[in-house]
Amino acid sequence: MKLTDYLAIWGAVVATAVAAWSIYKDLIHRNYVEVRASFSIMTPPHEEVFVFKVTNRSDHEIKVIHCGGYADRKYKPKWIGSLVYLFKPHTGRAFIMSFNPSQSAPLPVTIKPHDSTMIIYGVNKDDFPTEFETLEVATSDGNSWYCPRSDVEKIHADDTFKEILARKAARSS
């Protein structure tokens, strides 16, 4: 064997190790942000609030820049959304929650690695968004992190949400 053969084998081994490390970091041990949302009762004032709980599961600080959602977008994996966007850009209705939550620090808020925070909005039954299929939190790195579909279904089934819907229906008629 010649020296070039040894170098080619060494190059193949190094390339395989680099590819394996990239797959591990990108797919298996990827950084992500967990978002949960629900109605809750804040004590001691016994006030009803809407809470986004944002947990940073990454190895670096994140900055949450806004909370919001989409009225007509169902949840789908990000790669499917990107593929669909190539052929038909999204033109649906979206909303952004206030940048000054009534019960927590104003946005943007920084979350340290492996820590969580709650973004708490008072439930004003007159201007609370009622038409949403997806809730999201956007971070300063350009990513959108979505609330699980099960949380959205629980919010739609909640008595507070039903009261908000009834109040809006009474005002419009």
N, C-alpha and C. Protein backbone atom coordinates (compact mmCIF):
# COMPACT_ATOMS: atom_id res chain seq x y z
N MET A 1 0.83 -1.18 0.00
CA MET A 1 0.00 0.00 0.00
C MET A 1 0.87 1.24 0.00
N LYS A 2 0.37 2.25 -0.68
CA LYS A 2 1.09 3.51 -0.76
C LYS A 2 0.59 4.46 0.33
N LEU A 3 1.33 5.50 0.51
CA LEU A 3 0.96 6.52 1.50
C LEU A 3 -0.39 7.13 1.17
N THR A 4 -0.69 7.33 -0.09
CA THR A 4 -1.98 7.92 -0.48
C THR A 4 -3.15 7.03 -0.09
N ASP A 5 -2.94 5.70 -0.11
CA ASP A 5 -4.00 4.79 0.32
C ASP A 5 -4.29 4.96 1.82
N TYR A 6 -3.23 5.08 2.61
CA TYR A 6 -3.40 5.30 4.05
C TYR A 6 -4.10 6.63 4.32
N LEU A 7 -3.72 7.66 3.57
CA LEU A 7 -4.35 8.96 3.75
C LEU A 7 -5.82 8.93 3.34
N ALA A 8 -6.15 8.19 2.31
CA ALA A 8 -7.55 8.06 1.88
C ALA A 8 -8.37 7.34 2.94
N ILE A 9 -7.82 6.29 3.52
CA ILE A 9 -8.52 5.56 4.59
C ILE A 9 -8.70 6.48 5.80
N TRP A 10 -7.63 7.19 6.17
CA TRP A 10 -7.72 8.12 7.31
C TRP A 10 -8.78 9.21 7.04
N GLY A 11 -8.83 9.73 5.83
CA GLY A 11 -9.82 10.75 5.46
C GLY A 11 -11.24 10.20 5.55
N ALA A 12 -11.44 8.95 5.14
CA ALA A 12 -12.77 8.34 5.22
C ALA A 12 -13.19 8.15 6.67
N VAL A 13 -12.25 7.75 7.54
CA VAL A 13 -12.56 7.57 8.96
C VAL A 13 -12.93 8.90 9.60
N VAL A 14 -12.16 9.94 9.33
CA VAL A 14 -12.44 11.27 9.90
C VAL A 14 -13.78 11.80 9.38
N ALA A 15 -14.05 11.66 8.10
CA ALA A 15 -15.31 12.13 7.52
C ALA A 15 -16.50 11.40 8.13
N THR A 16 -16.37 10.10 8.37
CA THR A 16 -17.44 9.33 9.00
C THR A 16 -17.66 9.79 10.43
N ALA A 17 -16.60 10.06 11.17
CA ALA A 17 -16.73 10.55 12.54
C ALA A 17 -17.40 11.92 12.57
N VAL A 18 -17.03 12.81 11.65
CA VAL A 18 -17.64 14.15 11.60
C VAL A 18 -19.13 14.03 11.23
N ALA A 19 -19.47 13.18 10.30
CA ALA A 19 -20.87 12.99 9.92
C ALA A 19 -21.68 12.42 11.08
N ALA A 20 -21.12 11.46 11.80
CA ALA A 20 -21.81 10.89 12.96
C ALA A 20 -22.03 11.94 14.03
N TRP A 21 -21.03 12.79 14.29
CA TRP A 21 -21.17 13.85 15.28
C TRP A 21 -22.25 14.86 14.86
N SER A 22 -22.29 15.21 13.59
CA SER A 22 -23.29 16.15 13.10
C SER A 22 -24.70 15.58 13.25
N ILE A 23 -24.87 14.30 12.95
CA ILE A 23 -26.18 13.65 13.11
C ILE A 23 -26.56 13.63 14.58
N TYR A 24 -25.62 13.33 15.45
CA TYR A 24 -25.90 13.32 16.89
C TYR A 24 -26.34 14.69 17.37
N LYS A 25 -25.61 15.75 17.01
CA LYS A 25 -25.93 17.11 17.47
C LYS A 25 -27.22 17.63 16.87
N ASP A 26 -27.49 17.34 15.59
CA ASP A 26 -28.65 17.91 14.91
C ASP A 26 -29.94 17.13 15.16
N LEU A 27 -29.87 15.84 15.29
CA LEU A 27 -31.08 15.05 15.40
C LEU A 27 -31.32 14.45 16.78
N ILE A 28 -30.30 13.91 17.38
CA ILE A 28 -30.50 13.20 18.64
C ILE A 28 -30.40 14.14 19.84
N HIS A 29 -29.39 14.97 19.88
CA HIS A 29 -29.17 15.86 21.03
C HIS A 29 -29.37 17.31 20.62
N ARG A 30 -30.47 17.57 19.92
CA ARG A 30 -30.68 18.93 19.44
C ARG A 30 -31.21 19.84 20.54
N ASN A 31 -30.93 21.10 20.40
CA ASN A 31 -31.43 22.10 21.33
C ASN A 31 -32.83 22.50 20.91
N TYR A 32 -33.69 22.71 21.87
CA TYR A 32 -35.03 23.15 21.55
C TYR A 32 -35.64 23.89 22.72
N VAL A 33 -36.77 24.51 22.45
CA VAL A 33 -37.51 25.28 23.44
C VAL A 33 -38.89 24.64 23.57
N GLU A 34 -39.28 24.36 24.79
CA GLU A 34 -40.60 23.75 25.04
C GLU A 34 -41.58 24.85 25.43
N VAL A 35 -42.74 24.85 24.81
CA VAL A 35 -43.77 25.87 25.08
C VAL A 35 -45.04 25.16 25.52
N ARG A 36 -45.60 25.62 26.62
CA ARG A 36 -46.89 25.13 27.12
C ARG A 36 -47.77 26.36 27.34
N ALA A 37 -49.07 26.22 27.19
CA ALA A 37 -49.99 27.34 27.41
C ALA A 37 -51.25 26.82 28.07
N SER A 38 -51.81 27.64 28.96
CA SER A 38 -53.05 27.24 29.64
C SER A 38 -53.64 28.43 30.39
N PHE A 39 -54.89 28.27 30.78
CA PHE A 39 -55.51 29.20 31.71
C PHE A 39 -55.14 28.75 33.11
N SER A 40 -55.04 29.69 34.02
CA SER A 40 -54.69 29.36 35.40
C SER A 40 -55.29 30.41 36.31
N ILE A 41 -55.33 30.10 37.59
CA ILE A 41 -55.79 31.06 38.58
C ILE A 41 -54.59 31.49 39.38
N MET A 42 -54.34 32.79 39.38
CA MET A 42 -53.19 33.33 40.08
C MET A 42 -53.60 33.67 41.52
N THR A 43 -52.80 33.20 42.43
CA THR A 43 -53.09 33.49 43.82
C THR A 43 -52.04 34.47 44.35
N PRO A 44 -52.33 35.33 45.27
CA PRO A 44 -53.50 35.46 46.12
C PRO A 44 -54.66 36.23 45.52
N PRO A 45 -54.55 37.02 44.43
CA PRO A 45 -55.74 37.78 44.07
C PRO A 45 -56.86 36.94 43.44
N HIS A 46 -56.61 35.65 43.25
CA HIS A 46 -57.60 34.74 42.63
C HIS A 46 -58.09 35.27 41.29
N GLU A 47 -57.14 35.78 40.53
CA GLU A 47 -57.44 36.33 39.21
C GLU A 47 -57.13 35.29 38.14
N GLU A 48 -58.01 35.19 37.16
CA GLU A 48 -57.80 34.26 36.05
C GLU A 48 -56.76 34.85 35.10
N VAL A 49 -55.79 34.05 34.70
CA VAL A 49 -54.72 34.50 33.81
C VAL A 49 -54.49 33.46 32.72
N PHE A 50 -53.83 33.91 31.65
CA PHE A 50 -53.41 33.03 30.57
C PHE A 50 -51.90 32.97 30.61
N VAL A 51 -51.34 31.76 30.64
CA VAL A 51 -49.91 31.58 30.89
C VAL A 51 -49.24 30.85 29.73
N PHE A 52 -48.13 31.43 29.26
CA PHE A 52 -47.19 30.72 28.39
C PHE A 52 -46.03 30.31 29.27
N LYS A 53 -45.78 29.01 29.40
CA LYS A 53 -44.60 28.55 30.13
C LYS A 53 -43.56 28.15 29.08
N VAL A 54 -42.43 28.83 29.11
CA VAL A 54 -41.37 28.62 28.13
C VAL A 54 -40.16 28.02 28.84
N THR A 55 -39.75 26.82 28.40
CA THR A 55 -38.61 26.13 28.99
C THR A 55 -37.50 26.04 27.96
N ASN A 56 -36.33 26.54 28.32
CA ASN A 56 -35.17 26.52 27.44
C ASN A 56 -34.43 25.20 27.65
N ARG A 57 -34.52 24.30 26.69
CA ARG A 57 -33.85 23.01 26.78
C ARG A 57 -32.54 23.01 25.98
N SER A 58 -32.05 24.18 25.67
CA SER A 58 -30.82 24.27 24.89
C SER A 58 -29.62 24.57 25.79
N ASP A 59 -28.46 24.63 25.19
CA ASP A 59 -27.22 24.88 25.92
C ASP A 59 -26.79 26.34 25.87
N HIS A 60 -27.64 27.21 25.39
CA HIS A 60 -27.32 28.63 25.31
C HIS A 60 -28.54 29.46 25.69
N GLU A 61 -28.32 30.73 26.01
CA GLU A 61 -29.42 31.61 26.36
C GLU A 61 -30.31 31.85 25.14
N ILE A 62 -31.60 32.01 25.40
CA ILE A 62 -32.52 32.40 24.33
C ILE A 62 -33.22 33.68 24.77
N LYS A 63 -33.73 34.40 23.80
CA LYS A 63 -34.48 35.61 24.08
C LYS A 63 -35.83 35.49 23.40
N VAL A 64 -36.90 35.45 24.20
CA VAL A 64 -38.27 35.39 23.67
C VAL A 64 -38.66 36.80 23.26
N ILE A 65 -39.01 36.99 21.98
CA ILE A 65 -39.34 38.33 21.51
C ILE A 65 -40.84 38.56 21.41
N HIS A 66 -41.63 37.52 21.15
CA HIS A 66 -43.08 37.70 21.19
C HIS A 66 -43.81 36.37 21.29
N CYS A 67 -45.05 36.45 21.76
CA CYS A 67 -45.97 35.32 21.84
C CYS A 67 -47.14 35.64 20.93
N GLY A 68 -47.69 34.63 20.31
CA GLY A 68 -48.81 34.87 19.41
C GLY A 68 -49.38 33.56 18.90
N GLY A 69 -49.97 33.62 17.72
CA GLY A 69 -50.55 32.42 17.15
C GLY A 69 -51.13 32.68 15.78
N TYR A 70 -51.74 31.63 15.24
CA TYR A 70 -52.35 31.69 13.93
C TYR A 70 -53.79 31.21 14.03
N ALA A 71 -54.68 31.93 13.34
CA ALA A 71 -56.09 31.59 13.39
C ALA A 71 -56.44 30.42 12.48
N ASP A 72 -55.67 30.22 11.44
CA ASP A 72 -56.06 29.22 10.45
C ASP A 72 -54.93 28.30 10.04
N ARG A 73 -53.95 28.14 10.90
CA ARG A 73 -52.84 27.25 10.58
C ARG A 73 -52.82 26.10 11.56
N LYS A 74 -52.99 24.90 11.06
CA LYS A 74 -52.90 23.71 11.90
C LYS A 74 -51.43 23.38 12.09
N TYR A 75 -51.12 22.71 13.20
CA TYR A 75 -49.74 22.32 13.46
C TYR A 75 -49.30 21.27 12.45
N LYS A 76 -48.11 21.43 11.94
CA LYS A 76 -47.47 20.41 11.10
C LYS A 76 -45.98 20.49 11.34
N PRO A 77 -45.27 19.39 11.13
CA PRO A 77 -43.83 19.42 11.34
C PRO A 77 -43.18 20.54 10.54
N LYS A 78 -42.10 21.11 11.07
CA LYS A 78 -41.47 22.28 10.48
C LYS A 78 -41.00 22.03 9.05
N TRP A 79 -40.49 20.84 8.76
CA TRP A 79 -39.98 20.58 7.42
C TRP A 79 -41.11 20.54 6.40
N ILE A 80 -42.31 20.11 6.82
CA ILE A 80 -43.45 20.11 5.90
C ILE A 80 -43.88 21.55 5.64
N GLY A 81 -43.91 22.37 6.71
CA GLY A 81 -44.26 23.77 6.54
C GLY A 81 -43.30 24.48 5.61
N SER A 82 -42.01 24.19 5.72
CA SER A 82 -41.02 24.81 4.84
C SER A 82 -41.22 24.39 3.40
N LEU A 83 -41.53 23.13 3.19
CA LEU A 83 -41.76 22.62 1.83
C LEU A 83 -42.99 23.26 1.22
N VAL A 84 -44.09 23.35 2.00
CA VAL A 84 -45.31 23.96 1.50
C VAL A 84 -45.08 25.44 1.20
N TYR A 85 -44.29 26.13 2.02
CA TYR A 85 -44.03 27.55 1.83
C TYR A 85 -43.33 27.83 0.50
N LEU A 86 -42.52 26.88 0.02
CA LEU A 86 -41.85 27.07 -1.27
C LEU A 86 -42.85 27.22 -2.40
N PHE A 87 -43.96 26.50 -2.31
CA PHE A 87 -44.93 26.49 -3.40
C PHE A 87 -46.10 27.45 -3.17
N LYS A 88 -46.45 27.69 -1.90
CA LYS A 88 -47.59 28.56 -1.59
C LYS A 88 -47.31 29.29 -0.29
N PRO A 89 -46.86 30.54 -0.35
CA PRO A 89 -46.59 31.28 0.88
C PRO A 89 -47.85 31.43 1.73
N HIS A 90 -47.66 31.43 3.06
CA HIS A 90 -48.78 31.53 3.98
C HIS A 90 -49.31 32.96 4.02
N THR A 91 -50.61 33.11 3.85
CA THR A 91 -51.22 34.43 3.89
C THR A 91 -52.34 34.48 4.92
N GLY A 92 -52.32 33.61 5.90
CA GLY A 92 -53.40 33.51 6.87
C GLY A 92 -53.38 34.59 7.92
N ARG A 93 -54.33 34.49 8.82
CA ARG A 93 -54.48 35.47 9.88
C ARG A 93 -53.64 35.08 11.08
N ALA A 94 -52.89 36.03 11.58
CA ALA A 94 -52.03 35.80 12.74
C ALA A 94 -52.32 36.88 13.78
N PHE A 95 -51.92 36.62 15.02
CA PHE A 95 -52.06 37.64 16.06
C PHE A 95 -50.84 37.59 16.96
N ILE A 96 -50.56 38.72 17.59
CA ILE A 96 -49.46 38.81 18.54
C ILE A 96 -50.05 39.27 19.87
N MET A 97 -49.65 38.60 20.93
CA MET A 97 -50.07 39.02 22.26
C MET A 97 -49.27 40.28 22.62
N SER A 98 -49.68 40.96 23.65
CA SER A 98 -49.04 42.20 24.07
C SER A 98 -47.58 41.98 24.44
N PHE A 99 -46.76 43.00 24.17
CA PHE A 99 -45.35 42.94 24.57
C PHE A 99 -45.18 43.28 26.04
N ASN A 100 -46.24 43.73 26.68
CA ASN A 100 -46.23 44.05 28.11
C ASN A 100 -47.25 43.19 28.83
N PRO A 101 -46.89 41.94 29.13
CA PRO A 101 -47.82 41.08 29.86
C PRO A 101 -48.18 41.73 31.20
N SER A 102 -49.43 41.55 31.61
CA SER A 102 -49.90 42.26 32.80
C SER A 102 -49.29 41.73 34.09
N GLN A 103 -48.86 40.48 34.13
CA GLN A 103 -48.41 39.88 35.38
C GLN A 103 -46.94 39.45 35.37
N SER A 104 -46.21 39.73 34.32
CA SER A 104 -44.80 39.32 34.27
C SER A 104 -43.97 40.39 33.57
N ALA A 105 -42.67 40.14 33.45
CA ALA A 105 -41.74 41.11 32.87
C ALA A 105 -42.08 41.36 31.40
N PRO A 106 -41.83 42.58 30.90
CA PRO A 106 -42.12 42.87 29.49
C PRO A 106 -41.19 42.09 28.56
N LEU A 107 -41.68 41.86 27.35
CA LEU A 107 -40.88 41.18 26.34
C LEU A 107 -39.96 42.18 25.67
N PRO A 108 -38.81 41.79 25.20
CA PRO A 108 -38.22 40.47 25.18
C PRO A 108 -37.68 40.07 26.56
N VAL A 109 -37.70 38.77 26.80
CA VAL A 109 -37.21 38.22 28.06
C VAL A 109 -36.14 37.17 27.75
N THR A 110 -35.06 37.18 28.50
CA THR A 110 -33.96 36.24 28.30
C THR A 110 -34.12 35.07 29.25
N ILE A 111 -33.94 33.85 28.72
CA ILE A 111 -34.04 32.64 29.53
C ILE A 111 -32.71 31.92 29.47
N LYS A 112 -32.16 31.63 30.60
CA LYS A 112 -30.86 30.94 30.71
C LYS A 112 -31.00 29.47 30.29
N PRO A 113 -29.88 28.81 29.97
CA PRO A 113 -29.94 27.40 29.57
C PRO A 113 -30.56 26.53 30.66
N HIS A 114 -31.42 25.63 30.25
CA HIS A 114 -32.08 24.65 31.12
C HIS A 114 -32.88 25.32 32.24
N ASP A 115 -33.47 26.47 31.93
CA ASP A 115 -34.30 27.20 32.87
C ASP A 115 -35.64 27.47 32.20
N SER A 116 -36.61 27.95 32.97
CA SER A 116 -37.91 28.26 32.38
C SER A 116 -38.44 29.55 32.97
N THR A 117 -39.41 30.11 32.27
CA THR A 117 -40.08 31.31 32.74
C THR A 117 -41.55 31.24 32.34
N MET A 118 -42.35 32.03 33.03
CA MET A 118 -43.77 32.11 32.70
C MET A 118 -44.06 33.52 32.21
N ILE A 119 -44.75 33.58 31.08
CA ILE A 119 -45.20 34.85 30.54
C ILE A 119 -46.70 34.88 30.79
N ILE A 120 -47.13 35.78 31.67
CA ILE A 120 -48.49 35.74 32.21
C ILE A 120 -49.28 36.94 31.71
N TYR A 121 -50.42 36.65 31.07
CA TYR A 121 -51.31 37.68 30.57
C TYR A 121 -52.61 37.65 31.37
N GLY A 122 -53.07 38.82 31.77
CA GLY A 122 -54.39 38.90 32.40
C GLY A 122 -55.45 38.59 31.36
N VAL A 123 -56.52 37.96 31.79
CA VAL A 123 -57.58 37.58 30.85
C VAL A 123 -58.62 38.69 30.82
N ASN A 124 -58.44 39.60 29.87
CA ASN A 124 -59.46 40.61 29.61
C ASN A 124 -60.43 39.96 28.64
N LYS A 125 -61.60 39.68 29.09
CA LYS A 125 -62.53 38.89 28.30
C LYS A 125 -63.01 39.59 27.04
N ASP A 126 -62.72 40.88 26.89
CA ASP A 126 -63.17 41.60 25.70
C ASP A 126 -62.17 41.54 24.55
N ASP A 127 -60.87 41.51 24.84
CA ASP A 127 -59.91 41.53 23.74
C ASP A 127 -59.03 40.28 23.67
N PHE A 128 -59.40 39.23 24.36
CA PHE A 128 -58.62 37.99 24.30
C PHE A 128 -58.87 37.32 22.95
N PRO A 129 -57.81 36.86 22.26
CA PRO A 129 -58.01 36.22 20.95
C PRO A 129 -58.76 34.90 21.09
N THR A 130 -59.77 34.70 20.27
CA THR A 130 -60.57 33.48 20.36
C THR A 130 -60.43 32.58 19.14
N GLU A 131 -59.94 33.12 18.05
CA GLU A 131 -59.80 32.32 16.84
C GLU A 131 -58.34 31.95 16.65
N PHE A 132 -57.95 30.79 17.18
CA PHE A 132 -56.58 30.34 16.96
C PHE A 132 -56.55 28.82 16.90
N GLU A 133 -55.69 28.34 16.04
CA GLU A 133 -55.43 26.91 15.91
C GLU A 133 -54.03 26.57 16.39
N THR A 134 -53.16 27.57 16.45
CA THR A 134 -51.77 27.36 16.82
C THR A 134 -51.33 28.51 17.72
N LEU A 135 -50.59 28.18 18.78
CA LEU A 135 -49.96 29.18 19.64
C LEU A 135 -48.46 29.01 19.51
N GLU A 136 -47.74 30.13 19.47
CA GLU A 136 -46.30 30.06 19.27
C GLU A 136 -45.57 31.08 20.12
N VAL A 137 -44.28 30.82 20.31
CA VAL A 137 -43.37 31.76 20.93
C VAL A 137 -42.21 31.91 19.95
N ALA A 138 -41.87 33.16 19.63
CA ALA A 138 -40.76 33.42 18.70
C ALA A 138 -39.54 33.86 19.50
N THR A 139 -38.38 33.40 19.07
CA THR A 139 -37.13 33.76 19.73
C THR A 139 -36.28 34.62 18.80
N SER A 140 -35.31 35.31 19.37
CA SER A 140 -34.50 36.26 18.60
C SER A 140 -33.61 35.59 17.56
N ASP A 141 -33.43 34.28 17.64
CA ASP A 141 -32.61 33.59 16.64
C ASP A 141 -33.41 33.24 15.39
N GLY A 142 -34.66 33.70 15.31
CA GLY A 142 -35.48 33.48 14.12
C GLY A 142 -36.33 32.23 14.15
N ASN A 143 -36.34 31.50 15.24
CA ASN A 143 -37.13 30.29 15.34
C ASN A 143 -38.49 30.57 15.97
N SER A 144 -39.47 29.78 15.57
CA SER A 144 -40.79 29.79 16.20
C SER A 144 -40.99 28.45 16.87
N TRP A 145 -41.42 28.48 18.11
CA TRP A 145 -41.62 27.26 18.88
C TRP A 145 -43.10 27.17 19.21
N TYR A 146 -43.71 26.04 18.89
CA TYR A 146 -45.15 25.90 18.96
C TYR A 146 -45.60 25.14 20.20
N CYS A 147 -46.75 25.54 20.68
CA CYS A 147 -47.42 24.89 21.80
C CYS A 147 -48.01 23.57 21.29
N PRO A 148 -47.99 22.50 22.09
CA PRO A 148 -48.55 21.23 21.63
C PRO A 148 -50.05 21.35 21.31
N ARG A 149 -50.48 20.57 20.38
CA ARG A 149 -51.89 20.57 19.97
C ARG A 149 -52.79 20.22 21.16
N SER A 150 -52.34 19.35 22.04
CA SER A 150 -53.15 18.96 23.21
C SER A 150 -53.44 20.16 24.11
N ASP A 151 -52.48 21.08 24.26
CA ASP A 151 -52.72 22.28 25.06
C ASP A 151 -53.76 23.18 24.41
N VAL A 152 -53.70 23.33 23.09
CA VAL A 152 -54.68 24.16 22.38
C VAL A 152 -56.07 23.56 22.53
N GLU A 153 -56.18 22.25 22.46
CA GLU A 153 -57.48 21.59 22.64
C GLU A 153 -58.01 21.79 24.05
N LYS A 154 -57.13 21.73 25.05
CA LYS A 154 -57.55 21.97 26.44
C LYS A 154 -58.01 23.41 26.63
N ILE A 155 -57.33 24.36 25.99
CA ILE A 155 -57.73 25.76 26.08
C ILE A 155 -59.11 25.95 25.46
N HIS A 156 -59.35 25.34 24.31
CA HIS A 156 -60.66 25.46 23.65
C HIS A 156 -61.77 24.81 24.47
N ALA A 157 -61.45 23.82 25.28
CA ALA A 157 -62.45 23.14 26.11
C ALA A 157 -62.62 23.79 27.48
N ASP A 158 -61.78 24.75 27.83
CA ASP A 158 -61.80 25.37 29.15
C ASP A 158 -63.04 26.25 29.33
N ASP A 159 -63.60 26.28 30.54
CA ASP A 159 -64.79 27.08 30.83
C ASP A 159 -64.53 28.57 30.64
N THR A 160 -63.35 29.04 30.98
CA THR A 160 -63.02 30.45 30.79
C THR A 160 -63.06 30.83 29.32
N PHE A 161 -62.52 29.97 28.48
CA PHE A 161 -62.53 30.22 27.04
C PHE A 161 -63.96 30.23 26.51
N LYS A 162 -64.77 29.30 26.97
CA LYS A 162 -66.17 29.25 26.53
C LYS A 162 -66.91 30.51 26.96
N GLU A 163 -66.60 31.02 28.16
CA GLU A 163 -67.21 32.27 28.63
C GLU A 163 -66.79 33.44 27.74
N ILE A 164 -65.53 33.47 27.35
CA ILE A 164 -65.04 34.53 26.45
C ILE A 164 -65.75 34.45 25.11
N LEU A 165 -65.91 33.25 24.58
CA LEU A 165 -66.62 33.08 23.30
C LEU A 165 -68.06 33.55 23.41
N ALA A 166 -68.75 33.18 24.50
CA ALA A 166 -70.15 33.58 24.69
C ALA A 166 -70.28 35.09 24.80
N ARG A 167 -69.34 35.72 25.51
CA ARG A 167 -69.38 37.17 25.67
C ARG A 167 -69.18 37.86 24.32
N LYS A 168 -68.25 37.35 23.51
CA LYS A 168 -68.02 37.95 22.19
C LYS A 168 -69.23 37.74 21.27
N ALA A 169 -69.86 36.58 21.36
CA ALA A 169 -71.04 36.30 20.55
C ALA A 169 -72.20 37.23 20.95
N ALA A 170 -72.34 37.49 22.25
CA ALA A 170 -73.41 38.38 22.72
C ALA A 170 -73.17 39.81 22.25
N ARG A 171 -71.90 40.24 22.23
CA ARG A 171 -71.59 41.60 21.79
C ARG A 171 -71.84 41.77 20.30
N SER A 172 -71.55 40.74 19.50
CA SER A 172 -71.67 40.86 18.05
C SER A 172 -73.12 40.75 17.57
N SER A 173 -74.00 40.20 18.41
CA SER A 173 -75.40 40.07 17.96
C SER A 173 -76.29 41.15 18.49
